[in-house]
C-alpha atoms as a PDB file:
ATOM      1  CA  MET A   1      21.735  -7.582   5.894  1.00  0.00           C
ATOM      2  CA  ASN A   2      18.049  -8.063   6.708  1.00  0.00           C
ATOM      3  CA  GLN A   3      15.757  -8.567   3.751  1.00  0.00           C
ATOM      4  CA  ILE A   4      12.405  -6.814   3.910  1.00  0.00           C
ATOM      5  CA  LEU A   5       9.381  -7.106   1.650  1.00  0.00           C
ATOM      6  CA  LEU A   6       7.779  -3.710   1.179  1.00  0.00           C
ATOM      7  CA  HIS A   7       4.127  -3.644   0.143  1.00  0.00           C
ATOM      8  CA  CYS A   8       3.877  -0.699  -2.262  1.00  0.00           C
ATOM      9  CA  CYS A   9       0.661   1.196  -2.834  1.00  0.00           C
ATOM     10  CA  CYS A  10       2.250   3.475  -5.453  1.00  0.00           C
ATOM     11  CA  GLY A  11       5.551   4.784  -6.759  1.00  0.00           C
ATOM     12  CA  PRO A  12       5.395   8.188  -5.056  1.00  0.00           C
ATOM     13  CA  CYS A  13       4.939   6.680  -1.578  1.00  0.00           C
ATOM     14  CA  ALA A  14       7.760   4.223  -2.230  1.00  0.00           C
ATOM     15  CA  THR A  15      10.391   6.860  -3.088  1.00  0.00           C
ATOM     16  CA  TYR A  16      11.074   7.972   0.482  1.00  0.00           C
ATOM     17  CA  THR A  17      10.150   4.677   2.124  1.00  0.00           C
ATOM     18  CA  VAL A  18      12.635   2.613   0.109  1.00  0.00           C
ATOM     19  CA  ASN A  19      15.409   5.123   0.760  1.00  0.00           C
ATOM     20  CA  ARG A  20      14.638   5.199   4.481  1.00  0.00           C
ATOM     21  CA  LEU A  21      14.638   1.401   4.760  1.00  0.00           C
ATOM     22  CA  ARG A  22      17.922   1.206   2.884  1.00  0.00           C
ATOM     23  CA  GLU A  23      19.381   3.757   5.319  1.00  0.00           C
ATOM     24  CA  GLU A  24      18.257   1.463   8.149  1.00  0.00           C
ATOM     25  CA  GLY A  25      20.293  -1.364   6.587  1.00  0.00           C
ATOM     26  CA  PHE A  26      17.523  -3.312   4.876  1.00  0.00           C
ATOM     27  CA  GLN A  27      17.807  -4.987   1.509  1.00  0.00           C
ATOM     28  CA  VAL A  28      14.433  -3.939   0.072  1.00  0.00           C
ATOM     29  CA  THR A  29      12.221  -5.810  -2.377  1.00  0.00           C
ATOM     30  CA  CYS A  30       8.913  -4.233  -3.318  1.00  0.00           C
ATOM     31  CA  PHE A  31       5.652  -6.105  -3.634  1.00  0.00           C
ATOM     32  CA  TRP A  32       2.783  -4.801  -5.745  1.00  0.00           C
ATOM     33  CA  TYR A  33      -0.585  -6.090  -4.565  1.00  0.00           C
ATOM     34  CA  ASN A  34      -3.452  -3.615  -4.707  1.00  0.00           C
ATOM     35  CA  PRO A  35      -6.757  -5.219  -5.763  1.00  0.00           C
ATOM     36  CA  ASN A  36      -8.553  -2.258  -4.174  1.00  0.00           C
ATOM     37  CA  ILE A  37      -7.434   0.178  -6.858  1.00  0.00           C
ATOM     38  CA  HIS A  38     -10.268   1.055  -9.203  1.00  0.00           C
ATOM     39  CA  PRO A  39     -10.800   1.457 -12.080  1.00  0.00           C
ATOM     40  CA  PHE A  40      -8.418  -0.888 -13.843  1.00  0.00           C
ATOM     41  CA  THR A  41      -6.851   2.005 -15.772  1.00  0.00           C
ATOM     42  CA  GLU A  42      -5.967   3.668 -12.441  1.00  0.00           C
ATOM     43  CA  HIS A  43      -4.443   0.393 -11.237  1.00  0.00           C
ATOM     44  CA  GLN A  44      -2.317   0.200 -14.365  1.00  0.00           C
ATOM     45  CA  SER A  45      -1.199   3.844 -14.130  1.00  0.00           C
ATOM     46  CA  ARG A  46      -0.032   3.301 -10.565  1.00  0.00           C
ATOM     47  CA  LEU A  47       1.649   0.020 -11.466  1.00  0.00           C
ATOM     48  CA  GLU A  48       3.509   1.681 -14.333  1.00  0.00           C
ATOM     49  CA  ALA A  49       4.757   4.394 -11.949  1.00  0.00           C
ATOM     50  CA  MET A  50       5.960   1.653  -9.606  1.00  0.00           C
ATOM     51  CA  ARG A  51       7.793  -0.076 -12.447  1.00  0.00           C
ATOM     52  CA  THR A  52       9.389   3.217 -13.463  1.00  0.00           C
ATOM     53  CA  LEU A  53      10.629   3.808  -9.923  1.00  0.00           C
ATOM     54  CA  ALA A  54      11.927   0.253  -9.583  1.00  0.00           C
ATOM     55  CA  HIS A  55      13.914   0.645 -12.787  1.00  0.00           C
ATOM     56  CA  ALA A  56      15.238   4.089 -11.795  1.00  0.00           C
ATOM     57  CA  ILE A  57      16.571   3.028  -8.385  1.00  0.00           C
ATOM     58  CA  ASP A  58      17.546  -0.600  -9.071  1.00  0.00           C
ATOM     59  CA  LEU A  59      14.767  -2.009  -6.917  1.00  0.00           C
ATOM     60  CA  PRO A  60      13.551  -5.612  -7.108  1.00  0.00           C
ATOM     61  CA  LEU A  61       9.791  -5.677  -7.668  1.00  0.00           C
ATOM     62  CA  ILE A  62       7.442  -8.647  -7.299  1.00  0.00           C
ATOM     63  CA  ILE A  63       4.161  -8.350  -9.209  1.00  0.00           C
ATOM     64  CA  PRO A  64       1.715 -11.230  -8.805  1.00  0.00           C
ATOM     65  CA  GLU A  65      -0.344 -12.197 -11.827  1.00  0.00           C
ATOM     66  CA  GLY A  66      -3.873 -10.933 -12.150  1.00  0.00           C
ATOM     67  CA  TYR A  67      -6.047  -8.166 -10.805  1.00  0.00           C
ATOM     68  CA  GLU A  68      -8.019  -9.519  -7.853  1.00  0.00           C
ATOM     69  CA  MET A  69     -10.605  -6.747  -7.580  1.00  0.00           C
ATOM     70  CA  ILE A  70     -13.334  -9.289  -6.751  1.00  0.00           C
ATOM     71  CA  ASP A  71     -11.368 -10.337  -3.632  1.00  0.00           C
ATOM     72  CA  TYR A  72     -11.370  -6.720  -2.501  1.00  0.00           C
ATOM     73  CA  PHE A  73     -15.129  -6.333  -2.958  1.00  0.00           C
ATOM     74  CA  ARG A  74     -15.777  -9.620  -1.141  1.00  0.00           C
ATOM     75  CA  ALA A  75     -13.673  -8.340   1.765  1.00  0.00           C
ATOM     76  CA  VAL A  76     -15.509  -5.022   2.176  1.00  0.00           C
ATOM     77  CA  VAL A  77     -19.082  -5.597   1.018  1.00  0.00           C
ATOM     78  CA  GLY A  78     -21.659  -4.836   3.659  1.00  0.00           C
ATOM     79  CA  HIS A  79     -19.368  -2.664   5.760  1.00  0.00           C
ATOM     80  CA  GLU A  80     -18.057  -0.140   3.292  1.00  0.00           C
ATOM     81  CA  ALA A  81     -17.858   2.659   5.880  1.00  0.00           C
ATOM     82  CA  GLU A  82     -15.229   0.601   7.777  1.00  0.00           C
ATOM     83  CA  ARG A  83     -13.570  -0.806   4.673  1.00  0.00           C
ATOM     84  CA  CYS A  84     -10.018   0.379   5.397  1.00  0.00           C
ATOM     85  CA  GLY A  85      -9.267  -2.295   7.992  1.00  0.00           C
ATOM     86  CA  ASP A  86     -10.450  -5.035   5.646  1.00  0.00           C
ATOM     87  CA  CYS A  87      -8.455  -3.546   2.794  1.00  0.00           C
ATOM     88  CA  PHE A  88      -5.319  -3.333   4.937  1.00  0.00           C
ATOM     89  CA  ARG A  89      -5.833  -6.933   6.060  1.00  0.00           C
ATOM     90  CA  LEU A  90      -6.266  -8.197   2.496  1.00  0.00           C
ATOM     91  CA  ARG A  91      -3.134  -6.521   1.200  1.00  0.00           C
ATOM     92  CA  LEU A  92      -0.908  -7.089   4.216  1.00  0.00           C
ATOM     93  CA  SER A  93      -1.956 -10.747   4.582  1.00  0.00           C
ATOM     94  CA  LYS A  94      -0.851 -11.396   1.018  1.00  0.00           C
ATOM     95  CA  THR A  95       2.388  -9.469   1.594  1.00  0.00           C
ATOM     96  CA  ALA A  96       3.157 -11.383   4.793  1.00  0.00           C
ATOM     97  CA  ALA A  97       2.442 -14.718   3.116  1.00  0.00           C
ATOM     98  CA  VAL A  98       4.832 -13.900   0.268  1.00  0.00           C
ATOM     99  CA  ALA A  99       7.446 -12.651   2.754  1.00  0.00           C
ATOM    100  CA  ARG A 100       7.229 -15.918   4.693  1.00  0.00           C
ATOM    101  CA  GLU A 101       7.284 -18.091   1.549  1.00  0.00           C
ATOM    102  CA  LYS A 102      10.298 -16.290   0.077  1.00  0.00           C
ATOM    103  CA  GLY A 103      12.294 -16.113   3.324  1.00  0.00           C
ATOM    104  CA  PHE A 104      12.199 -12.384   4.064  1.00  0.00           C
ATOM    105  CA  SER A 105      12.976 -11.441   7.654  1.00  0.00           C
ATOM    106  CA  ALA A 106      10.153  -8.870   7.774  1.00  0.00           C
ATOM    107  CA  PHE A 107       7.502  -7.006   5.817  1.00  0.00           C
ATOM    108  CA  THR A 108       6.109  -3.480   5.938  1.00  0.00           C
ATOM    109  CA  THR A 109       4.084  -1.107   3.775  1.00  0.00           C
ATOM    110  CA  THR A 110       4.366   2.264   2.087  1.00  0.00           C
ATOM    111  CA  LEU A 111       0.896   3.009   3.453  1.00  0.00           C
ATOM    112  CA  LEU A 112       2.692   4.049   6.648  1.00  0.00           C
ATOM    113  CA  ILE A 113       3.871   7.240   4.918  1.00  0.00           C
ATOM    114  CA  SER A 114       0.430   8.652   4.233  1.00  0.00           C
ATOM    115  CA  PRO A 115      -1.098  11.201   6.597  1.00  0.00           C
ATOM    116  CA  TYR A 116      -4.453  10.239   5.044  1.00  0.00           C
ATOM    117  CA  GLN A 117      -4.420   6.594   6.162  1.00  0.00           C
ATOM    118  CA  LYS A 118      -5.763   5.329   9.478  1.00  0.00           C
ATOM    119  CA  HIS A 119      -2.296   4.863  10.892  1.00  0.00           C
ATOM    120  CA  GLU A 120      -3.039   3.122  14.201  1.00  0.00           C
ATOM    121  CA  LEU A 121      -5.452   0.747  12.469  1.00  0.00           C
ATOM    122  CA  LEU A 122      -2.815   0.003   9.849  1.00  0.00           C
ATOM    123  CA  ARG A 123      -0.232  -0.746  12.529  1.00  0.00           C
ATOM    124  CA  ALA A 124      -2.642  -3.015  14.442  1.00  0.00           C
ATOM    125  CA  VAL A 125      -3.552  -4.953  11.293  1.00  0.00           C
ATOM    126  CA  GLY A 126       0.120  -5.331  10.362  1.00  0.00           C
ATOM    127  CA  GLU A 127       0.982  -6.693  13.792  1.00  0.00           C
ATOM    128  CA  THR A 128      -1.979  -9.099  13.789  1.00  0.00           C
ATOM    129  CA  VAL A 129      -1.142 -10.394  10.321  1.00  0.00           C
ATOM    130  CA  ALA A 130       2.499 -10.818  11.357  1.00  0.00           C
ATOM    131  CA  LYS A 131       1.489 -13.100  14.236  1.00  0.00           C
ATOM    132  CA  GLU A 132      -0.829 -15.111  11.981  1.00  0.00           C
ATOM    133  CA  GLN A 133       1.781 -15.547   9.256  1.00  0.00           C
ATOM    134  CA  GLY A 134       4.819 -15.983  11.496  1.00  0.00           C
ATOM    135  CA  VAL A 135       6.867 -13.175   9.987  1.00  0.00           C
ATOM    136  CA  GLU A 136       7.852  -9.857  11.575  1.00  0.00           C
ATOM    137  CA  PHE A 137       5.969  -6.659  10.758  1.00  0.00           C
ATOM    138  CA  TYR A 138       8.423  -3.787  10.673  1.00  0.00           C
ATOM    139  CA  TYR A 139       6.735  -0.673  11.966  1.00  0.00           C
ATOM    140  CA  GLU A 140       8.027   2.822  11.385  1.00  0.00           C
ATOM    141  CA  ASP A 141       6.064   6.037  11.114  1.00  0.00           C
ATOM    142  CA  PHE A 142       7.222   7.214   7.695  1.00  0.00           C
ATOM    143  CA  ARG A 143       4.871  10.225   7.660  1.00  0.00           C
ATOM    144  CA  PRO A 144       7.676  12.750   8.300  1.00  0.00           C
ATOM    145  CA  GLY A 145       8.932  11.843   4.791  1.00  0.00           C
ATOM    146  CA  PHE A 146       5.605  12.438   3.030  1.00  0.00           C
ATOM    147  CA  ARG A 147       6.560  15.809   1.470  1.00  0.00           C
ATOM    148  CA  GLU A 148       9.979  14.471   0.503  1.00  0.00           C
ATOM    149  CA  SER A 149       8.334  11.529  -1.265  1.00  0.00           C
ATOM    150  CA  HIS A 150       6.244  13.910  -3.359  1.00  0.00           C
ATOM    151  CA  ARG A 151       9.235  16.081  -4.216  1.00  0.00           C
ATOM    152  CA  ARG A 152      11.317  13.067  -5.262  1.00  0.00           C
ATOM    153  CA  SER A 153       8.494  11.476  -7.242  1.00  0.00           C
ATOM    154  CA  ARG A 154       7.942  14.727  -9.177  1.00  0.00           C
ATOM    155  CA  GLU A 155      11.648  14.737 -10.046  1.00  0.00           C
ATOM    156  CA  LEU A 156      11.166  11.233 -11.459  1.00  0.00           C
ATOM    157  CA  ASN A 157       7.969  12.323 -13.242  1.00  0.00           C
ATOM    158  CA  LEU A 158       5.926   9.584 -11.585  1.00  0.00           C
ATOM    159  CA  TYR A 159       2.155   9.436 -11.875  1.00  0.00           C
ATOM    160  CA  HIS A 160       0.383  10.936  -8.832  1.00  0.00           C
ATOM    161  CA  GLN A 161      -3.055   9.698  -7.864  1.00  0.00           C
ATOM    162  CA  LYS A 162      -5.786  11.895  -6.419  1.00  0.00           C
ATOM    163  CA  TYR A 163      -7.517   9.377  -4.129  1.00  0.00           C
ATOM    164  CA  CYS A 164      -6.709   6.328  -2.000  1.00  0.00           C
ATOM    165  CA  GLY A 165      -7.535   3.877  -4.746  1.00  0.00           C
ATOM    166  CA  CYS A 166     -10.837   2.173  -4.097  1.00  0.00           C
ATOM    167  CA  VAL A 167     -14.079   3.065  -5.815  1.00  0.00           C
ATOM    168  CA  TYR A 168     -15.451   4.354  -2.515  1.00  0.00           C
ATOM    169  CA  SER A 169     -12.564   6.758  -1.950  1.00  0.00           C
ATOM    170  CA  GLU A 170     -12.876   7.892  -5.560  1.00  0.00           C
ATOM    171  CA  TRP A 171     -16.566   8.594  -4.996  1.00  0.00           C
ATOM    172  CA  GLU A 172     -15.832  10.428  -1.740  1.00  0.00           C
ATOM    173  CA  ARG A 173     -13.110  12.516  -3.435  1.00  0.00           C
ATOM    174  CA  TYR A 174     -14.938  13.490  -6.616  1.00  0.00           C
ATOM    175  CA  GLY A 175     -18.547  13.151  -5.516  1.00  0.00           C
ATOM    176  CA  LYS A 176     -17.933  15.129  -2.320  1.00  0.00           C
ATOM    177  CA  VAL A 177     -19.832  12.519  -0.289  1.00  0.00           C
ATOM    178  CA  GLU A 178     -19.183  10.540   2.891  1.00  0.00           C
ATOM    179  CA  ILE A 179     -19.955   6.843   2.519  1.00  0.00           C
ATOM    180  CA  ALA A 180     -20.741   6.479   6.239  1.00  0.00           C
ATOM    181  CA  LYS A 181     -23.439   9.162   6.026  1.00  0.00           C
ATOM    182  CA  ILE A 182     -24.964   7.595   2.912  1.00  0.00           C
ATOM    183  CA  LEU A 183     -25.109   4.190   4.607  1.00  0.00           C
ATOM    184  CA  GLU A 184     -26.761   5.763   7.661  1.00  0.00           C
ATOM    185  CA  GLY A 185     -29.413   7.222   5.360  1.00  0.00           C
ATOM    186  CA  GLY A 186     -28.179  10.789   5.737  1.00  0.00           C
END
């Protein structure tokens, strides 16, 4: 059985993704690495939901020590309007490195389930990181399972977030602004 390391952005997105990967014959281990999530209380709420899911479905979960928010800001500062690619690279590079170090045959991400993510960019970053790290990036468009993931996560009473995770997406969501327009002076 192939072992895959699944980068997990949150418990709700992992519900369908883990099940789908298991159906495909993978032995799944989840990896929590999300230094983009802000504020810290939001990070912890999402992490707790991930722990709850892992416990409920007998899912191995790797959680690195620390909260590397500064690494996220260093990666995106100065080009906040195009931050998603840098954020994907930061998180998937770490996931790929751990996958390689621990002998997984491949890695992937729950971000591939979201209709709100820049899917082609995410795929391109995953494939680039895979070449750099020497471990396979498993690509599958999990978006058809998005509604199912929400239904299942509600059954498990998992915390549901209202924005991507970063301070910029929070501002865009609640402040009703577009970062790109602000940076252009508009």
